[in-house]
Amino acid sequence: MVYLARALELRDGDRGALEALTRGKASFATLALRARTVLLAADGMPNIRIEKITGFSAPTVLKGRNRYAEGGIEALSDVQRPGREREIDELALIADTLTNDGKPRAELGISHWSAPDHGRTPRNLLFLGGEQLN
């Protein structure tokens, strides 16, 4: 027997907001796809078709449906992940890049920037002004 999920019932006024999220330039791509998942589910589309359209896995489609059903549009946003927030001093990074005519610092041991150099450079030297983290 094949199980077909029922059409997701949208809350009052949410259709317009969800449609705006799917085409808004300020939206993150994952948020736009989650909103699209909810809209497709509300239109009665089977989950397997939603998976093919969005590229999400079956559990991700179900999770999106459940998140909306439980918390509305606000629940579609990324949840806070455990762990410490990143501490990147963006101004120091920009200043470090622009000083010395854009050349890397001497302690990095390279004469110019390249993509492989960025991969080999310890992140704490690049983003924390050269101070080592303990």
C-alpha atoms as a PDB file:
ATOM      1  CA  MET A   1       0.000   0.000   0.000  1.00  0.00           C
ATOM      2  CA  VAL A   2       1.295   3.458  -0.907  1.00  0.00           C
ATOM      3  CA  TYR A   3       1.050   6.187   1.709  1.00  0.00           C
ATOM      4  CA  LEU A   4       0.216   9.663   0.449  1.00  0.00           C
ATOM      5  CA  ALA A   5       0.580  12.552   2.859  1.00  0.00           C
ATOM      6  CA  ARG A   6      -2.380  14.864   3.267  1.00  0.00           C
ATOM      7  CA  ALA A   7      -2.145  18.379   1.903  1.00  0.00           C
ATOM      8  CA  LEU A   8      -0.516  20.646   4.453  1.00  0.00           C
ATOM      9  CA  GLU A   9      -2.888  23.254   5.827  1.00  0.00           C
ATOM     10  CA  LEU A  10      -1.447  26.753   5.682  1.00  0.00           C
ATOM     11  CA  ARG A  11      -2.114  29.322   8.372  1.00  0.00           C
ATOM     12  CA  ASP A  12      -4.020  32.479   7.505  1.00  0.00           C
ATOM     13  CA  GLY A  13      -1.915  34.883   5.452  1.00  0.00           C
ATOM     14  CA  ASP A  14       1.067  32.539   5.163  1.00  0.00           C
ATOM     15  CA  ARG A  15       0.755  31.734   1.460  1.00  0.00           C
ATOM     16  CA  GLY A  16       1.812  35.217   0.388  1.00  0.00           C
ATOM     17  CA  ALA A  17       4.686  35.299   2.869  1.00  0.00           C
ATOM     18  CA  LEU A  18       5.902  31.853   1.760  1.00  0.00           C
ATOM     19  CA  GLU A  19       5.708  32.839  -1.907  1.00  0.00           C
ATOM     20  CA  ALA A  20       7.717  35.979  -1.118  1.00  0.00           C
ATOM     21  CA  LEU A  21      10.374  33.833   0.566  1.00  0.00           C
ATOM     22  CA  THR A  22      10.695  31.629  -2.515  1.00  0.00           C
ATOM     23  CA  ARG A  23      11.467  34.531  -4.818  1.00  0.00           C
ATOM     24  CA  GLY A  24      13.032  37.065  -2.467  1.00  0.00           C
ATOM     25  CA  LYS A  25      16.640  38.018  -3.088  1.00  0.00           C
ATOM     26  CA  ALA A  26      17.218  38.521   0.642  1.00  0.00           C
ATOM     27  CA  SER A  27      16.240  34.939   1.459  1.00  0.00           C
ATOM     28  CA  PHE A  28      18.800  32.245   2.010  1.00  0.00           C
ATOM     29  CA  ALA A  29      18.563  29.482  -0.586  1.00  0.00           C
ATOM     30  CA  THR A  30      17.730  26.812   1.984  1.00  0.00           C
ATOM     31  CA  LEU A  31      14.970  28.946   3.494  1.00  0.00           C
ATOM     32  CA  ALA A  32      13.532  29.542   0.015  1.00  0.00           C
ATOM     33  CA  LEU A  33      13.559  25.785  -0.695  1.00  0.00           C
ATOM     34  CA  ARG A  34      11.918  25.052   2.649  1.00  0.00           C
ATOM     35  CA  ALA A  35       9.193  27.581   1.848  1.00  0.00           C
ATOM     36  CA  ARG A  36       8.755  25.972  -1.581  1.00  0.00           C
ATOM     37  CA  THR A  37       8.465  22.564   0.094  1.00  0.00           C
ATOM     38  CA  VAL A  38       5.682  23.856   2.324  1.00  0.00           C
ATOM     39  CA  LEU A  39       3.848  25.446  -0.612  1.00  0.00           C
ATOM     40  CA  LEU A  40       4.051  22.272  -2.679  1.00  0.00           C
ATOM     41  CA  ALA A  41       2.832  20.218   0.291  1.00  0.00           C
ATOM     42  CA  ALA A  42      -0.041  22.673   0.791  1.00  0.00           C
ATOM     43  CA  ASP A  43      -1.018  22.200  -2.855  1.00  0.00           C
ATOM     44  CA  GLY A  44      -1.357  18.470  -2.177  1.00  0.00           C
ATOM     45  CA  MET A  45       1.754  17.350  -4.060  1.00  0.00           C
ATOM     46  CA  PRO A  46       3.063  13.928  -2.946  1.00  0.00           C
ATOM     47  CA  ASN A  47       6.285  13.998  -0.927  1.00  0.00           C
ATOM     48  CA  ILE A  48       8.140  11.936  -3.531  1.00  0.00           C
ATOM     49  CA  ARG A  49       7.464  14.632  -6.157  1.00  0.00           C
ATOM     50  CA  ILE A  50       8.494  17.365  -3.711  1.00  0.00           C
ATOM     51  CA  GLU A  51      11.773  15.475  -3.192  1.00  0.00           C
ATOM     52  CA  LYS A  52      12.445  15.454  -6.939  1.00  0.00           C
ATOM     53  CA  ILE A  53      11.585  19.126  -7.400  1.00  0.00           C
ATOM     54  CA  THR A  54      13.545  20.471  -4.424  1.00  0.00           C
ATOM     55  CA  GLY A  55      16.368  17.922  -4.350  1.00  0.00           C
ATOM     56  CA  PHE A  56      15.708  17.293  -0.667  1.00  0.00           C
ATOM     57  CA  SER A  57      15.741  13.785   0.790  1.00  0.00           C
ATOM     58  CA  ALA A  58      12.528  12.176   2.101  1.00  0.00           C
ATOM     59  CA  PRO A  59      13.415  12.882   5.761  1.00  0.00           C
ATOM     60  CA  THR A  60      14.170  16.535   4.927  1.00  0.00           C
ATOM     61  CA  VAL A  61      10.801  16.988   3.195  1.00  0.00           C
ATOM     62  CA  LEU A  62       9.026  15.445   6.189  1.00  0.00           C
ATOM     63  CA  LYS A  63      11.040  17.604   8.563  1.00  0.00           C
ATOM     64  CA  GLY A  64      10.086  20.750   6.637  1.00  0.00           C
ATOM     65  CA  ARG A  65       6.404  19.822   6.704  1.00  0.00           C
ATOM     66  CA  ASN A  66       6.549  19.067  10.423  1.00  0.00           C
ATOM     67  CA  ARG A  67       8.489  22.231  11.254  1.00  0.00           C
ATOM     68  CA  TYR A  68       5.883  24.370   9.525  1.00  0.00           C
ATOM     69  CA  ALA A  69       2.970  22.480  11.082  1.00  0.00           C
ATOM     70  CA  GLU A  70       4.429  22.947  14.566  1.00  0.00           C
ATOM     71  CA  GLY A  71       5.804  26.480  14.389  1.00  0.00           C
ATOM     72  CA  GLY A  72       4.716  28.236  11.220  1.00  0.00           C
ATOM     73  CA  ILE A  73       7.012  30.246   8.974  1.00  0.00           C
ATOM     74  CA  GLU A  74       9.362  31.145  11.839  1.00  0.00           C
ATOM     75  CA  ALA A  75      10.157  27.443  12.326  1.00  0.00           C
ATOM     76  CA  LEU A  76      11.543  27.184   8.769  1.00  0.00           C
ATOM     77  CA  SER A  77      14.611  29.268   9.662  1.00  0.00           C
ATOM     78  CA  ASP A  78      17.853  27.594  10.659  1.00  0.00           C
ATOM     79  CA  VAL A  79      17.908  26.566  14.293  1.00  0.00           C
ATOM     80  CA  GLN A  80      20.751  27.603  16.554  1.00  0.00           C
ATOM     81  CA  ARG A  81      23.441  24.937  16.483  1.00  0.00           C
ATOM     82  CA  PRO A  82      25.357  23.910  19.568  1.00  0.00           C
ATOM     83  CA  GLY A  83      28.864  25.157  20.169  1.00  0.00           C
ATOM     84  CA  ARG A  84      30.644  28.440  20.395  1.00  0.00           C
ATOM     85  CA  GLU A  85      29.924  31.187  17.886  1.00  0.00           C
ATOM     86  CA  ARG A  86      32.637  31.897  15.336  1.00  0.00           C
ATOM     87  CA  GLU A  87      34.855  34.772  16.297  1.00  0.00           C
ATOM     88  CA  ILE A  88      36.121  36.294  13.078  1.00  0.00           C
ATOM     89  CA  ASP A  89      37.300  39.878  13.239  1.00  0.00           C
ATOM     90  CA  GLU A  90      36.285  40.933   9.741  1.00  0.00           C
ATOM     91  CA  LEU A  91      37.797  44.402  10.044  1.00  0.00           C
ATOM     92  CA  ALA A  92      41.138  42.923  11.101  1.00  0.00           C
ATOM     93  CA  LEU A  93      40.980  40.510   8.152  1.00  0.00           C
ATOM     94  CA  ILE A  94      40.343  43.334   5.696  1.00  0.00           C
ATOM     95  CA  ALA A  95      43.011  45.529   7.248  1.00  0.00           C
ATOM     96  CA  ASP A  96      45.498  42.655   7.209  1.00  0.00           C
ATOM     97  CA  THR A  97      44.749  41.962   3.544  1.00  0.00           C
ATOM     98  CA  LEU A  98      45.161  45.602   2.530  1.00  0.00           C
ATOM     99  CA  THR A  99      48.365  46.303   4.461  1.00  0.00           C
ATOM    100  CA  ASN A 100      51.753  45.688   2.912  1.00  0.00           C
ATOM    101  CA  ASP A 101      50.360  46.195  -0.602  1.00  0.00           C
ATOM    102  CA  GLY A 102      48.118  43.147  -0.269  1.00  0.00           C
ATOM    103  CA  LYS A 103      51.023  40.746   0.282  1.00  0.00           C
ATOM    104  CA  PRO A 104      50.819  38.083   3.022  1.00  0.00           C
ATOM    105  CA  ARG A 105      52.646  38.629   6.293  1.00  0.00           C
ATOM    106  CA  ALA A 106      56.238  37.392   6.488  1.00  0.00           C
ATOM    107  CA  GLU A 107      55.465  34.776   9.170  1.00  0.00           C
ATOM    108  CA  LEU A 108      53.276  32.936   6.658  1.00  0.00           C
ATOM    109  CA  GLY A 109      56.348  32.237   4.515  1.00  0.00           C
ATOM    110  CA  ILE A 110      54.710  32.983   1.156  1.00  0.00           C
ATOM    111  CA  SER A 111      55.305  35.822  -1.289  1.00  0.00           C
ATOM    112  CA  HIS A 112      51.746  36.125  -2.697  1.00  0.00           C
ATOM    113  CA  TRP A 113      48.245  34.787  -2.116  1.00  0.00           C
ATOM    114  CA  SER A 114      46.857  31.792  -4.003  1.00  0.00           C
ATOM    115  CA  ALA A 115      43.951  29.457  -3.297  1.00  0.00           C
ATOM    116  CA  PRO A 116      46.217  26.580  -2.144  1.00  0.00           C
ATOM    117  CA  ASP A 117      48.034  28.975   0.197  1.00  0.00           C
ATOM    118  CA  HIS A 118      44.755  29.853   1.856  1.00  0.00           C
ATOM    119  CA  GLY A 119      44.059  26.166   2.379  1.00  0.00           C
ATOM    120  CA  ARG A 120      47.429  25.554   4.050  1.00  0.00           C
ATOM    121  CA  THR A 121      47.438  28.698   6.177  1.00  0.00           C
ATOM    122  CA  PRO A 122      46.254  28.171   9.744  1.00  0.00           C
ATOM    123  CA  ARG A 123      42.889  29.902  10.082  1.00  0.00           C
ATOM    124  CA  ASN A 124      43.824  31.512  13.355  1.00  0.00           C
ATOM    125  CA  LEU A 125      46.729  33.318  11.648  1.00  0.00           C
ATOM    126  CA  LEU A 126      44.473  34.646   8.911  1.00  0.00           C
ATOM    127  CA  PHE A 127      41.484  35.725  10.975  1.00  0.00           C
ATOM    128  CA  LEU A 128      42.883  36.692  14.350  1.00  0.00           C
ATOM    129  CA  GLY A 129      45.599  39.082  13.335  1.00  0.00           C
ATOM    130  CA  GLY A 130      48.389  36.529  13.681  1.00  0.00           C
ATOM    131  CA  GLU A 131      47.773  35.786  17.352  1.00  0.00           C
ATOM    132  CA  GLN A 132      47.807  32.069  18.099  1.00  0.00           C
ATOM    133  CA  LEU A 133      44.857  30.569  19.964  1.00  0.00           C
ATOM    134  CA  ASN A 134      45.562  28.242  22.861  1.00  0.00           C
END
